[in-house]
Amino acid sequence: MAIPDYQSLMLPVLEIACTGESSVPETEAAITTRFGLTPEESEQRLPSGKQRVLPNRIHWAKFYLTKAGFLETPRRGRFAITDSGRHLLAHPPETFLV
């Protein structure tokens, strides 16, 4: 399976945040399992070679969810769901439009 784009990761990131405060590395482990990514896929790097693709896409999903008010950053490197995010999970859209 190919690594999902950041839009496809938005709902799973929100669901993971619903279980409690999280971080990108913790979320990456859950996403890898959820999507059945292989170790090779998990290690795939961006063309620059400086960052892996999956954490980059998780960061972008988290960035846009935070900007929309569905996630918050209680402290550095951590994120948590907001009341708006919980409401969104109760009525999830089919896709996120960015």
N, C-alpha and C. Protein backbone atom coordinates (compact mmCIF):
# COMPACT_ATOMS: atom_id res chain seq x y z
N MET A 1 0.85 -1.19 0.00
CA MET A 1 0.00 0.00 0.00
C MET A 1 0.89 1.24 0.00
N ALA A 2 0.50 2.23 -0.74
CA ALA A 2 1.23 3.50 -0.76
C ALA A 2 0.93 4.28 0.52
N ILE A 3 1.83 5.14 0.89
CA ILE A 3 1.63 5.98 2.07
C ILE A 3 0.50 6.95 1.77
N PRO A 4 -0.51 7.01 2.64
CA PRO A 4 -1.64 7.92 2.40
C PRO A 4 -1.19 9.38 2.38
N ASP A 5 -1.91 10.21 1.60
CA ASP A 5 -1.61 11.63 1.59
C ASP A 5 -2.11 12.25 2.90
N TYR A 6 -1.72 13.51 3.14
CA TYR A 6 -2.04 14.10 4.44
C TYR A 6 -3.54 14.28 4.63
N GLN A 7 -4.30 14.49 3.55
CA GLN A 7 -5.75 14.61 3.69
C GLN A 7 -6.36 13.31 4.18
N SER A 8 -5.85 12.19 3.69
CA SER A 8 -6.35 10.88 4.11
C SER A 8 -5.95 10.56 5.54
N LEU A 9 -4.95 11.24 6.06
CA LEU A 9 -4.49 11.00 7.43
C LEU A 9 -5.21 11.87 8.45
N MET A 10 -5.96 12.86 8.00
CA MET A 10 -6.58 13.79 8.93
C MET A 10 -7.54 13.11 9.90
N LEU A 11 -8.45 12.31 9.41
CA LEU A 11 -9.41 11.65 10.29
C LEU A 11 -8.72 10.65 11.21
N PRO A 12 -7.81 9.80 10.72
CA PRO A 12 -7.09 8.91 11.65
C PRO A 12 -6.29 9.66 12.72
N VAL A 13 -5.66 10.77 12.37
CA VAL A 13 -4.91 11.56 13.35
C VAL A 13 -5.87 12.09 14.41
N LEU A 14 -7.02 12.55 14.00
CA LEU A 14 -8.02 13.05 14.93
C LEU A 14 -8.52 11.93 15.85
N GLU A 15 -8.74 10.75 15.29
CA GLU A 15 -9.18 9.61 16.09
C GLU A 15 -8.12 9.20 17.11
N ILE A 16 -6.87 9.24 16.71
CA ILE A 16 -5.78 8.90 17.64
C ILE A 16 -5.71 9.95 18.75
N ALA A 17 -5.87 11.21 18.40
CA ALA A 17 -5.85 12.28 19.41
C ALA A 17 -7.01 12.16 20.39
N CYS A 18 -8.08 11.54 19.97
CA CYS A 18 -9.25 11.38 20.83
C CYS A 18 -8.96 10.43 21.99
N THR A 19 -7.97 9.58 21.84
CA THR A 19 -7.62 8.63 22.90
C THR A 19 -6.77 9.26 23.99
N GLY A 20 -6.30 10.48 23.75
CA GLY A 20 -5.48 11.18 24.73
C GLY A 20 -4.39 11.97 24.04
N GLU A 21 -3.67 12.75 24.82
CA GLU A 21 -2.58 13.55 24.27
C GLU A 21 -1.59 12.64 23.54
N SER A 22 -1.12 13.10 22.39
CA SER A 22 -0.26 12.27 21.56
C SER A 22 0.87 13.10 20.98
N SER A 23 1.76 12.41 20.25
CA SER A 23 2.86 13.06 19.54
C SER A 23 2.94 12.44 18.15
N VAL A 24 3.71 13.05 17.28
CA VAL A 24 3.84 12.52 15.92
C VAL A 24 4.46 11.11 15.94
N PRO A 25 5.53 10.85 16.70
CA PRO A 25 6.07 9.48 16.71
C PRO A 25 5.06 8.43 17.19
N GLU A 26 4.27 8.77 18.21
CA GLU A 26 3.25 7.84 18.69
C GLU A 26 2.18 7.62 17.62
N THR A 27 1.80 8.70 16.98
CA THR A 27 0.79 8.63 15.92
C THR A 27 1.32 7.84 14.74
N GLU A 28 2.60 8.02 14.42
CA GLU A 28 3.20 7.30 13.31
C GLU A 28 3.12 5.79 13.51
N ALA A 29 3.37 5.33 14.72
CA ALA A 29 3.29 3.90 15.01
C ALA A 29 1.87 3.38 14.80
N ALA A 30 0.88 4.14 15.27
CA ALA A 30 -0.51 3.73 15.11
C ALA A 30 -0.94 3.75 13.65
N ILE A 31 -0.51 4.75 12.91
CA ILE A 31 -0.86 4.87 11.48
C ILE A 31 -0.23 3.73 10.69
N THR A 32 1.02 3.40 11.01
CA THR A 32 1.71 2.30 10.32
C THR A 32 0.93 1.00 10.48
N THR A 33 0.48 0.75 11.69
CA THR A 33 -0.31 -0.47 11.96
C THR A 33 -1.67 -0.39 11.27
N ARG A 34 -2.33 0.74 11.41
CA ARG A 34 -3.69 0.90 10.85
C ARG A 34 -3.73 0.71 9.34
N PHE A 35 -2.74 1.25 8.64
CA PHE A 35 -2.71 1.16 7.18
C PHE A 35 -1.88 -0.01 6.68
N GLY A 36 -1.30 -0.78 7.58
CA GLY A 36 -0.52 -1.95 7.19
C GLY A 36 0.70 -1.60 6.35
N LEU A 37 1.37 -0.53 6.71
CA LEU A 37 2.54 -0.10 5.95
C LEU A 37 3.73 -1.02 6.25
N THR A 38 4.50 -1.29 5.24
CA THR A 38 5.69 -2.13 5.39
C THR A 38 6.82 -1.30 5.99
N PRO A 39 7.85 -1.96 6.53
CA PRO A 39 9.01 -1.20 7.02
C PRO A 39 9.65 -0.34 5.93
N GLU A 40 9.67 -0.84 4.71
CA GLU A 40 10.24 -0.07 3.60
C GLU A 40 9.43 1.20 3.34
N GLU A 41 8.11 1.07 3.38
CA GLU A 41 7.24 2.24 3.18
C GLU A 41 7.43 3.24 4.32
N SER A 42 7.55 2.74 5.54
CA SER A 42 7.73 3.61 6.70
C SER A 42 9.04 4.38 6.65
N GLU A 43 10.02 3.82 6.00
CA GLU A 43 11.34 4.45 5.91
C GLU A 43 11.52 5.31 4.66
N GLN A 44 10.52 5.33 3.79
CA GLN A 44 10.61 6.11 2.55
C GLN A 44 10.85 7.58 2.88
N ARG A 45 11.77 8.19 2.13
CA ARG A 45 12.16 9.58 2.38
C ARG A 45 11.64 10.52 1.29
N LEU A 46 11.50 11.77 1.65
CA LEU A 46 11.16 12.82 0.68
C LEU A 46 12.32 12.96 -0.31
N PRO A 47 12.08 13.56 -1.47
CA PRO A 47 13.16 13.73 -2.45
C PRO A 47 14.41 14.40 -1.88
N SER A 48 14.25 15.28 -0.90
CA SER A 48 15.42 15.93 -0.30
C SER A 48 16.27 14.95 0.50
N GLY A 49 15.66 13.85 0.94
CA GLY A 49 16.36 12.85 1.73
C GLY A 49 16.48 13.22 3.20
N LYS A 50 15.98 14.37 3.59
CA LYS A 50 16.16 14.85 4.96
C LYS A 50 15.07 14.40 5.92
N GLN A 51 13.91 14.04 5.40
CA GLN A 51 12.80 13.67 6.26
C GLN A 51 12.06 12.49 5.66
N ARG A 52 11.49 11.66 6.54
CA ARG A 52 10.68 10.55 6.05
C ARG A 52 9.29 11.06 5.66
N VAL A 53 8.69 10.39 4.68
CA VAL A 53 7.41 10.82 4.11
C VAL A 53 6.28 10.75 5.13
N LEU A 54 6.16 9.63 5.85
CA LEU A 54 5.03 9.45 6.76
C LEU A 54 4.98 10.52 7.86
N PRO A 55 6.05 10.75 8.60
CA PRO A 55 5.96 11.81 9.63
C PRO A 55 5.68 13.19 9.02
N ASN A 56 6.20 13.45 7.83
CA ASN A 56 5.93 14.72 7.15
C ASN A 56 4.44 14.88 6.90
N ARG A 57 3.81 13.83 6.42
CA ARG A 57 2.37 13.90 6.12
C ARG A 57 1.54 13.99 7.40
N ILE A 58 1.98 13.32 8.46
CA ILE A 58 1.28 13.42 9.74
C ILE A 58 1.38 14.85 10.27
N HIS A 59 2.56 15.45 10.15
CA HIS A 59 2.74 16.85 10.57
C HIS A 59 1.79 17.77 9.80
N TRP A 60 1.67 17.59 8.49
CA TRP A 60 0.77 18.44 7.71
C TRP A 60 -0.69 18.23 8.12
N ALA A 61 -1.09 16.99 8.34
CA ALA A 61 -2.46 16.72 8.80
C ALA A 61 -2.70 17.41 10.14
N LYS A 62 -1.75 17.27 11.06
CA LYS A 62 -1.85 17.90 12.37
C LYS A 62 -1.89 19.43 12.24
N PHE A 63 -1.07 19.98 11.37
CA PHE A 63 -1.03 21.42 11.16
C PHE A 63 -2.40 21.96 10.75
N TYR A 64 -3.01 21.33 9.74
CA TYR A 64 -4.30 21.82 9.26
C TYR A 64 -5.42 21.57 10.26
N LEU A 65 -5.36 20.46 10.99
CA LEU A 65 -6.38 20.21 12.02
C LEU A 65 -6.26 21.22 13.16
N THR A 66 -5.05 21.63 13.48
CA THR A 66 -4.85 22.65 14.51
C THR A 66 -5.35 24.00 14.03
N LYS A 67 -5.02 24.36 12.79
CA LYS A 67 -5.49 25.63 12.23
C LYS A 67 -7.02 25.70 12.18
N ALA A 68 -7.66 24.56 11.97
CA ALA A 68 -9.13 24.51 11.90
C ALA A 68 -9.77 24.46 13.29
N GLY A 69 -8.94 24.31 14.34
CA GLY A 69 -9.47 24.30 15.69
C GLY A 69 -9.87 22.93 16.21
N PHE A 70 -9.51 21.87 15.52
CA PHE A 70 -9.87 20.52 15.94
C PHE A 70 -8.82 19.89 16.85
N LEU A 71 -7.60 20.38 16.79
CA LEU A 71 -6.52 19.94 17.66
C LEU A 71 -5.92 21.16 18.35
N GLU A 72 -5.28 20.93 19.49
CA GLU A 72 -4.55 21.98 20.18
C GLU A 72 -3.19 21.45 20.57
N THR A 73 -2.29 22.36 20.89
CA THR A 73 -0.94 21.99 21.29
C THR A 73 -0.76 22.37 22.76
N PRO A 74 -0.98 21.42 23.68
CA PRO A 74 -0.87 21.75 25.10
C PRO A 74 0.57 22.02 25.54
N ARG A 75 1.53 21.40 24.86
CA ARG A 75 2.95 21.65 25.13
C ARG A 75 3.74 21.23 23.91
N ARG A 76 4.99 21.60 23.88
CA ARG A 76 5.81 21.36 22.69
C ARG A 76 5.87 19.87 22.33
N GLY A 77 5.63 19.60 21.05
CA GLY A 77 5.72 18.24 20.55
C GLY A 77 4.52 17.36 20.85
N ARG A 78 3.51 17.90 21.47
CA ARG A 78 2.32 17.14 21.85
C ARG A 78 1.08 17.80 21.25
N PHE A 79 0.06 17.00 21.02
CA PHE A 79 -1.21 17.57 20.56
C PHE A 79 -2.36 16.79 21.18
N ALA A 80 -3.50 17.46 21.27
CA ALA A 80 -4.69 16.87 21.88
C ALA A 80 -5.91 17.36 21.11
N ILE A 81 -6.97 16.61 21.22
CA ILE A 81 -8.21 16.97 20.53
C ILE A 81 -8.94 18.07 21.31
N THR A 82 -9.67 18.90 20.59
CA THR A 82 -10.48 19.96 21.21
C THR A 82 -11.94 19.50 21.24
N ASP A 83 -12.79 20.29 21.86
CA ASP A 83 -14.23 19.98 21.85
C ASP A 83 -14.77 19.98 20.43
N SER A 84 -14.28 20.91 19.60
CA SER A 84 -14.70 20.94 18.19
C SER A 84 -14.28 19.66 17.48
N GLY A 85 -13.09 19.17 17.81
CA GLY A 85 -12.62 17.92 17.22
C GLY A 85 -13.47 16.73 17.64
N ARG A 86 -13.88 16.72 18.90
CA ARG A 86 -14.77 15.64 19.38
C ARG A 86 -16.12 15.70 18.64
N HIS A 87 -16.61 16.90 18.45
CA HIS A 87 -17.87 17.06 17.72
C HIS A 87 -17.72 16.57 16.28
N LEU A 88 -16.60 16.90 15.67
CA LEU A 88 -16.34 16.44 14.30
C LEU A 88 -16.30 14.92 14.23
N LEU A 89 -15.67 14.28 15.21
CA LEU A 89 -15.62 12.82 15.22
C LEU A 89 -16.99 12.20 15.39
N ALA A 90 -17.87 12.88 16.11
CA ALA A 90 -19.23 12.37 16.29
C ALA A 90 -20.01 12.42 14.98
N HIS A 91 -19.59 13.34 14.08
CA HIS A 91 -20.26 13.50 12.77
C HIS A 91 -19.19 13.62 11.70
N PRO A 92 -18.41 12.53 11.45
CA PRO A 92 -17.27 12.64 10.53
C PRO A 92 -17.69 12.83 9.07
N PRO A 93 -16.96 13.69 8.37
CA PRO A 93 -17.22 13.85 6.92
C PRO A 93 -16.61 12.69 6.16
N GLU A 94 -17.04 12.51 4.93
CA GLU A 94 -16.44 11.46 4.11
C GLU A 94 -15.00 11.80 3.79
N THR A 95 -14.73 13.06 3.49
CA THR A 95 -13.38 13.54 3.22
C THR A 95 -13.21 14.93 3.80
N PHE A 96 -11.97 15.31 3.99
CA PHE A 96 -11.67 16.66 4.43
C PHE A 96 -11.32 17.46 3.20
N LEU A 97 -11.87 18.64 3.10
CA LEU A 97 -11.52 19.54 2.00
C LEU A 97 -10.57 20.60 2.54
N VAL A 98 -9.48 20.78 1.86
CA VAL A 98 -8.48 21.76 2.31
C VAL A 98 -8.45 22.91 1.36
